[in-house]
Amino acid sequence: MKVSIKKDFLIREVAGEKVLIGSGEQVNFSKMMILNETAAFIVGILQEKAGAVSSEEIARELAGQFEVSFEEALKDTEKLLRTLAGAGVLNIISE
């Protein structure tokens, strides 16, 4: 699966929690997402990369950063990417 993050989504710290929110005209405060450390790491990767990023590439970086196998990282990455796509944060480029 390849995905790209839609523009204008930012991670901000609010009351000690990492929160993903859209900036600009599409701000909808009822749609804020609280991110755990792993989810914030994945969104950070998506924000750093230009264009589409594969779930495998993200999983490799996740496995390198955290003590988790590539297989587990890939499973968790793809689950989070589908959740973010369903919330309108990501575009799925291919499966």
Protein backbone atom coordinates (compact mmCIF):
# COMPACT_ATOMS: atom_id res chain seq x y z
CA MET A 1 0.00 0.00 0.00
CA LYS A 2 1.23 3.50 -0.81
CA VAL A 3 -0.19 6.58 0.85
CA SER A 4 0.31 10.31 0.98
CA ILE A 5 -0.82 12.67 3.70
CA LYS A 6 -3.20 15.41 2.70
CA LYS A 7 -1.78 18.90 3.01
CA ASP A 8 -2.45 21.10 5.99
CA PHE A 9 -2.49 18.39 8.67
CA LEU A 10 -0.30 19.17 11.65
CA ILE A 11 0.73 17.48 14.88
CA ARG A 12 0.45 19.74 17.89
CA GLU A 13 0.95 19.06 21.58
CA VAL A 14 -2.13 19.85 23.64
CA ALA A 15 -2.21 19.19 27.37
CA GLY A 16 0.69 16.77 27.04
CA GLU A 17 -0.94 14.78 24.22
CA LYS A 18 0.06 14.73 20.55
CA VAL A 19 -2.95 15.76 18.48
CA LEU A 20 -3.41 15.58 14.70
CA ILE A 21 -5.52 18.41 13.36
CA GLY A 22 -6.16 20.02 10.01
CA SER A 23 -5.10 23.62 9.61
CA GLY A 24 -6.56 26.19 7.27
CA GLU A 25 -10.17 26.22 6.20
CA GLN A 26 -10.86 22.53 6.82
CA VAL A 27 -10.33 22.76 10.59
CA ASN A 28 -12.98 20.72 12.33
CA PHE A 29 -12.27 20.51 16.05
CA SER A 30 -14.64 17.54 16.44
CA LYS A 31 -12.27 15.58 14.16
CA MET A 32 -9.05 16.00 16.13
CA MET A 33 -7.16 12.75 16.65
CA ILE A 34 -5.03 12.04 19.70
CA LEU A 35 -1.94 10.11 18.60
CA ASN A 36 0.16 7.75 20.65
CA GLU A 37 3.94 7.82 20.23
CA THR A 38 3.92 5.25 17.41
CA ALA A 39 1.14 6.94 15.45
CA ALA A 40 2.86 10.32 15.82
CA PHE A 41 6.09 8.74 14.52
CA ILE A 42 4.28 7.36 11.46
CA VAL A 43 2.52 10.66 10.71
CA GLY A 44 5.89 12.39 11.09
CA ILE A 45 7.37 10.09 8.44
CA LEU A 46 4.49 10.91 6.09
CA GLN A 47 4.97 14.63 6.65
CA GLU A 48 8.73 14.43 5.99
CA LYS A 49 8.45 12.49 2.73
CA ALA A 50 7.42 14.17 -0.49
CA GLY A 51 4.80 12.18 -2.36
CA ALA A 52 3.60 8.66 -1.73
CA VAL A 53 5.25 6.42 0.84
CA SER A 54 4.85 2.65 1.00
CA SER A 55 3.64 0.91 4.12
CA GLU A 56 6.76 -1.29 3.89
CA GLU A 57 9.05 1.76 4.01
CA ILE A 58 7.20 3.11 7.04
CA ALA A 59 7.30 -0.31 8.75
CA ARG A 60 11.08 -0.57 8.24
CA GLU A 61 11.58 2.82 9.91
CA LEU A 62 9.15 1.90 12.69
CA ALA A 63 10.93 -1.42 13.35
CA GLY A 64 14.24 0.42 13.45
CA GLN A 65 12.97 2.99 15.93
CA PHE A 66 10.98 0.72 18.26
CA GLU A 67 11.61 -2.81 19.50
CA VAL A 68 9.24 -4.57 17.15
CA SER A 69 9.62 -7.03 14.27
CA PHE A 70 9.14 -5.85 10.69
CA GLU A 71 6.08 -8.10 10.33
CA GLU A 72 4.38 -6.63 13.43
CA ALA A 73 5.35 -3.10 12.37
CA LEU A 74 3.85 -3.68 8.91
CA LYS A 75 0.59 -5.04 10.35
CA ASP A 76 0.24 -2.11 12.76
CA THR A 77 1.29 0.44 10.11
CA GLU A 78 -1.29 -0.75 7.60
CA LYS A 79 -4.03 -0.74 10.26
CA LEU A 80 -3.19 2.85 11.23
CA LEU A 81 -2.95 3.97 7.59
CA ARG A 82 -6.43 2.60 6.88
CA THR A 83 -7.78 4.37 9.96
CA LEU A 84 -6.19 7.67 8.89
CA ALA A 85 -7.45 7.25 5.32
CA GLY A 86 -10.96 6.60 6.65
CA ALA A 87 -10.73 9.82 8.68
CA GLY A 88 -9.82 11.76 5.54
CA VAL A 89 -6.20 12.42 6.52
CA LEU A 90 -4.51 10.26 3.85
CA ASN A 91 -4.86 9.40 0.21
CA ILE A 92 -4.34 5.72 -0.58
CA ILE A 93 -2.39 5.60 -3.83
CA SER A 94 -2.34 1.82 -4.31
CA GLU A 95 -2.96 -1.41 -2.46
